[in-house]
Amino acid sequence: MIIRPHQEGQLLITQPDHAALAARIMSHWTGLDSPRRSDILTAVGAHDNGWLDVDAVPLRDAAAGGILDFMHVPLDVRQGVWPRSVTLLHATPYAAALVAQHAIHIFSRFRGDGDWTPFFTQMEQLRGEALARSGAAPLETLIREYMFVRLGDLISLTFCNAWPDVPAEDYGYTIRRDDSRVIIAPDPFAGNDVPVAITGRLMPHDAFTDPAAARAAWEAAPQVTVSGVISGPPVC
């Protein structure tokens, strides 16, 4: 679950909804001209589908009673969503391999941590099996084209979380939020604005006494849509 600050509480946005938005953004990316474009966009849009069941109801911090976002859920949840995301893409193996690469990439800082060793072994195996079934490209190409998955993820996360700016790692782009606009430099959208919107459920900043109370608040929460624009830098 993504938790976006809101003046009336906290706006809860599901991970699959964020990923679907990422794909809509990347469909406008002018440099995405790979022969595997369709599979890449499939991976972008479905990379968080392993969260579908998890995000059906917000997870509660058992000690404090607050709602947990995707970065603070228990370790077994954080790790367990990724094999499901890959398996759900069995029919599109190149997309499945890209999502496995995504899991390997975003948690790379945990290499060497014994609690993560089985996770990396499993994800590398799933990536290899999916890539072999696809017959689409070698691993070096997949890792290069993974850039589009990661950038789409970062841009959508910046918008959905209302983060001020995000390091774009080593891909040569900067990502910066200015109010409701997320600005990517250099401009990958050929001077065009990309309108975006995401809908979440507005919940209070309450401490919930038990999972049933959190579920009831979630089910009663009004839906709120936030809109904005993704673009390159303004032309001076």
Protein backbone atom coordinates (compact mmCIF):
# COMPACT_ATOMS: atom_id res chain seq x y z
CA MET A 1 0.00 0.00 0.00
CA ILE A 2 1.16 3.52 -0.80
CA ILE A 3 0.27 6.16 1.79
CA ARG A 4 0.11 9.66 0.31
CA PRO A 5 -0.13 12.68 2.64
CA HIS A 6 -3.50 14.41 2.48
CA GLN A 7 -4.83 17.45 4.32
CA GLU A 8 -7.79 15.43 5.60
CA GLY A 9 -5.96 12.26 6.57
CA GLN A 10 -4.00 9.74 4.54
CA LEU A 11 -4.74 8.62 1.00
CA LEU A 12 -4.18 4.91 0.51
CA ILE A 13 -3.26 3.86 -3.04
CA THR A 14 -2.78 0.23 -3.97
CA GLN A 15 0.46 -0.98 -5.47
CA PRO A 16 -1.25 -2.49 -8.55
CA ASP A 17 -2.95 0.86 -9.25
CA HIS A 18 0.41 2.63 -9.02
CA ALA A 19 1.92 0.11 -11.47
CA ALA A 20 -0.92 0.56 -13.94
CA LEU A 21 -0.28 4.30 -13.83
CA ALA A 22 3.42 3.69 -14.47
CA ALA A 23 2.54 1.83 -17.68
CA ARG A 24 0.29 4.65 -18.86
CA ILE A 25 3.17 7.08 -18.32
CA MET A 26 5.74 4.91 -20.09
CA SER A 27 3.47 4.41 -23.09
CA HIS A 28 4.32 8.05 -23.92
CA TRP A 29 8.09 7.57 -23.58
CA THR A 30 9.52 8.35 -27.01
CA GLY A 31 12.68 6.27 -26.60
CA LEU A 32 10.86 3.03 -25.88
CA ASP A 33 11.25 1.67 -29.40
CA SER A 34 12.33 -1.90 -28.62
CA PRO A 35 10.82 -4.78 -30.63
CA ARG A 36 9.80 -6.02 -27.17
CA ARG A 37 7.93 -2.79 -26.37
CA SER A 38 4.63 -4.56 -25.68
CA ASP A 39 6.23 -6.95 -23.19
CA ILE A 40 8.12 -4.11 -21.51
CA LEU A 41 4.90 -2.13 -21.00
CA THR A 42 3.21 -5.29 -19.73
CA ALA A 43 5.98 -5.67 -17.15
CA VAL A 44 5.68 -2.02 -16.11
CA GLY A 45 1.92 -2.27 -15.67
CA ALA A 46 1.89 -5.62 -13.87
CA HIS A 47 5.08 -5.49 -11.83
CA ASP A 48 3.16 -5.06 -8.55
CA ASN A 49 0.32 -7.49 -9.18
CA GLY A 50 1.73 -9.75 -6.48
CA TRP A 51 0.33 -7.16 -4.07
CA LEU A 52 -3.27 -7.66 -5.25
CA ASP A 53 -4.31 -9.83 -2.30
CA VAL A 54 -2.12 -7.96 0.18
CA ASP A 55 -3.60 -4.60 -0.75
CA ALA A 56 -7.18 -5.85 -0.69
CA VAL A 57 -7.19 -4.63 2.93
CA PRO A 58 -4.59 -2.35 4.56
CA LEU A 59 -2.08 -4.03 6.85
CA ARG A 60 -1.97 -2.75 10.41
CA ASP A 61 1.04 -2.29 12.64
CA ALA A 62 0.24 -4.71 15.45
CA ALA A 63 2.08 -2.62 18.04
CA ALA A 64 1.04 0.94 17.16
CA GLY A 65 -2.20 0.28 15.28
CA GLY A 66 -1.34 2.47 12.28
CA ILE A 67 -1.48 1.45 8.64
CA LEU A 68 1.74 0.08 7.12
CA ASP A 69 2.95 1.25 3.73
CA PHE A 70 4.75 -1.00 1.26
CA MET A 71 8.18 -0.18 2.73
CA HIS A 72 7.25 -1.20 6.27
CA VAL A 73 5.23 -4.40 5.89
CA PRO A 74 6.77 -7.56 7.41
CA LEU A 75 9.69 -9.16 5.59
CA ASP A 76 7.75 -12.24 4.53
CA VAL A 77 5.21 -9.98 2.80
CA ARG A 78 7.86 -7.84 1.08
CA GLN A 79 9.56 -10.94 -0.25
CA GLY A 80 6.48 -13.01 -0.95
CA VAL A 81 4.79 -10.63 -3.38
CA TRP A 82 7.53 -10.99 -6.02
CA PRO A 83 7.29 -14.69 -6.91
CA ARG A 84 3.55 -14.12 -7.28
CA SER A 85 4.11 -11.13 -9.58
CA VAL A 86 6.39 -13.21 -11.79
CA THR A 87 4.08 -16.24 -11.81
CA LEU A 88 1.09 -14.10 -12.80
CA LEU A 89 3.03 -13.17 -15.97
CA HIS A 90 3.67 -16.76 -17.03
CA ALA A 91 1.95 -16.20 -20.40
CA THR A 92 4.35 -13.32 -21.21
CA PRO A 93 7.74 -14.72 -20.17
CA TYR A 94 9.87 -11.73 -21.20
CA ALA A 95 7.68 -9.49 -19.03
CA ALA A 96 7.97 -12.05 -16.22
CA ALA A 97 11.77 -11.97 -16.51
CA LEU A 98 11.74 -8.17 -16.35
CA VAL A 99 9.67 -8.24 -13.15
CA ALA A 100 12.05 -10.77 -11.61
CA GLN A 101 14.91 -8.41 -12.53
CA HIS A 102 12.97 -5.59 -10.87
CA ALA A 103 12.79 -7.54 -7.60
CA ILE A 104 16.51 -8.33 -7.79
CA HIS A 105 17.35 -4.70 -8.52
CA ILE A 106 15.27 -2.88 -5.92
CA PHE A 107 16.50 -5.08 -3.08
CA SER A 108 20.14 -5.30 -4.20
CA ARG A 109 21.22 -3.43 -1.06
CA PHE A 110 20.35 -6.57 0.92
CA ARG A 111 22.89 -8.74 -0.88
CA GLY A 112 24.92 -10.48 1.79
CA ASP A 113 22.05 -10.42 4.31
CA GLY A 114 21.27 -14.02 5.20
CA ASP A 115 17.56 -13.30 5.50
CA TRP A 116 17.55 -12.36 1.81
CA THR A 117 19.80 -15.06 0.34
CA PRO A 118 16.96 -17.52 -0.50
CA PHE A 119 14.99 -14.64 -2.05
CA PHE A 120 17.77 -13.73 -4.49
CA THR A 121 18.34 -17.39 -5.36
CA GLN A 122 14.64 -17.83 -6.14
CA MET A 123 14.29 -14.63 -8.14
CA GLU A 124 17.39 -15.32 -10.22
CA GLN A 125 16.06 -18.79 -10.96
CA LEU A 126 12.65 -17.40 -11.96
CA ARG A 127 14.31 -14.76 -14.13
CA GLY A 128 16.45 -17.35 -15.90
CA GLU A 129 13.55 -19.72 -16.50
CA ALA A 130 11.29 -16.98 -17.84
CA LEU A 131 13.98 -15.52 -20.08
CA ALA A 132 14.78 -18.95 -21.49
CA ARG A 133 11.10 -19.60 -22.23
CA SER A 134 10.79 -16.24 -23.95
CA GLY A 135 13.71 -16.77 -26.32
CA ALA A 136 13.45 -13.01 -26.83
CA ALA A 137 16.86 -11.68 -25.89
CA PRO A 138 19.97 -12.40 -23.84
CA LEU A 139 20.27 -11.39 -20.19
CA GLU A 140 22.39 -8.34 -21.10
CA THR A 141 19.55 -6.98 -23.24
CA LEU A 142 16.96 -7.68 -20.57
CA ILE A 143 19.01 -5.78 -17.98
CA ARG A 144 19.39 -2.85 -20.39
CA GLU A 145 15.67 -2.77 -21.18
CA TYR A 146 14.82 -3.10 -17.51
CA MET A 147 15.61 0.62 -17.33
CA PHE A 148 12.10 1.37 -18.63
CA VAL A 149 10.49 -0.68 -15.85
CA ARG A 150 12.51 1.06 -13.18
CA LEU A 151 12.00 4.58 -14.51
CA GLY A 152 8.25 4.03 -14.88
CA ASP A 153 8.15 2.73 -11.32
CA LEU A 154 10.10 5.72 -9.95
CA ILE A 155 8.06 8.33 -11.82
CA SER A 156 4.74 6.85 -10.71
CA LEU A 157 5.98 6.43 -7.14
CA THR A 158 7.07 10.07 -7.07
CA PHE A 159 3.58 11.17 -8.13
CA CYS A 160 1.62 8.71 -5.99
CA ASN A 161 3.66 9.31 -2.82
CA ALA A 162 4.00 13.08 -3.44
CA TRP A 163 7.76 12.71 -2.97
CA PRO A 164 9.70 15.93 -3.68
CA ASP A 165 12.26 14.28 -5.95
CA VAL A 166 13.83 10.87 -6.49
CA PRO A 167 17.35 9.88 -7.53
CA ALA A 168 17.02 8.26 -10.95
CA GLU A 169 19.98 6.00 -10.22
CA ASP A 170 22.39 5.67 -13.13
CA TYR A 171 19.96 6.02 -16.02
CA GLY A 172 20.85 9.60 -16.93
CA TYR A 173 17.53 11.19 -15.91
CA THR A 174 16.42 13.37 -13.02
CA ILE A 175 12.95 13.12 -11.51
CA ARG A 176 11.55 16.11 -9.65
CA ARG A 177 8.07 16.97 -8.38
CA ASP A 178 6.78 20.54 -8.49
CA ASP A 179 3.34 20.55 -6.87
CA SER A 180 1.14 18.36 -9.11
CA ARG A 181 3.73 18.14 -11.90
CA VAL A 182 6.52 15.55 -12.07
CA ILE A 183 9.37 16.75 -14.29
CA ILE A 184 11.75 14.38 -16.06
CA ALA A 185 15.01 15.67 -17.51
CA PRO A 186 16.10 15.31 -20.21
CA ASP A 187 12.60 15.35 -21.70
CA PRO A 188 11.52 11.87 -22.87
CA PHE A 189 8.05 13.02 -23.98
CA ALA A 190 8.96 15.17 -27.00
CA GLY A 191 7.64 18.34 -25.37
CA ASN A 192 4.23 16.87 -24.55
CA ASP A 193 2.44 16.89 -21.21
CA VAL A 194 1.18 13.52 -19.97
CA PRO A 195 -1.95 13.97 -17.80
CA VAL A 196 -2.17 11.49 -14.93
CA ALA A 197 -4.62 10.65 -12.18
CA ILE A 198 -4.76 8.08 -9.40
CA THR A 199 -7.60 7.16 -7.06
CA GLY A 200 -7.17 6.09 -3.45
CA ARG A 201 -9.20 5.75 -0.29
CA LEU A 202 -9.06 8.56 2.24
CA MET A 203 -8.59 7.23 5.77
CA PRO A 204 -8.02 9.01 9.08
CA HIS A 205 -4.68 8.97 10.90
CA ASP A 206 -6.15 6.63 13.49
CA ALA A 207 -4.60 3.83 15.48
CA PHE A 208 -6.84 0.83 14.80
CA THR A 209 -7.41 -1.54 17.68
CA ASP A 210 -7.48 -4.66 15.51
CA PRO A 211 -7.49 -5.78 11.85
CA ALA A 212 -11.30 -5.77 11.77
CA ALA A 213 -11.38 -2.07 12.69
CA ALA A 214 -8.85 -1.27 9.97
CA ARG A 215 -10.89 -3.25 7.44
CA ALA A 216 -14.11 -1.47 8.41
CA ALA A 217 -12.47 1.94 8.04
CA TRP A 218 -11.05 0.93 4.64
CA GLU A 219 -14.41 -0.27 3.38
CA ALA A 220 -16.13 2.92 4.54
CA ALA A 221 -13.43 5.29 3.27
CA PRO A 222 -14.41 7.68 0.48
CA GLN A 223 -12.53 7.47 -2.80
CA VAL A 224 -10.45 10.50 -3.73
CA THR A 225 -8.71 11.13 -7.06
CA VAL A 226 -5.58 13.23 -7.39
CA SER A 227 -4.52 14.53 -10.78
CA GLY A 228 -1.35 15.95 -12.22
CA VAL A 229 0.99 16.07 -15.17
CA ILE A 230 4.20 14.29 -16.12
CA SER A 231 6.45 16.26 -18.46
CA GLY A 232 9.91 17.29 -19.43
CA PRO A 233 11.38 20.54 -18.10
CA PRO A 234 9.62 23.77 -19.03
CA VAL A 235 10.91 25.46 -22.17
CA CYS A 236 12.49 28.82 -21.35
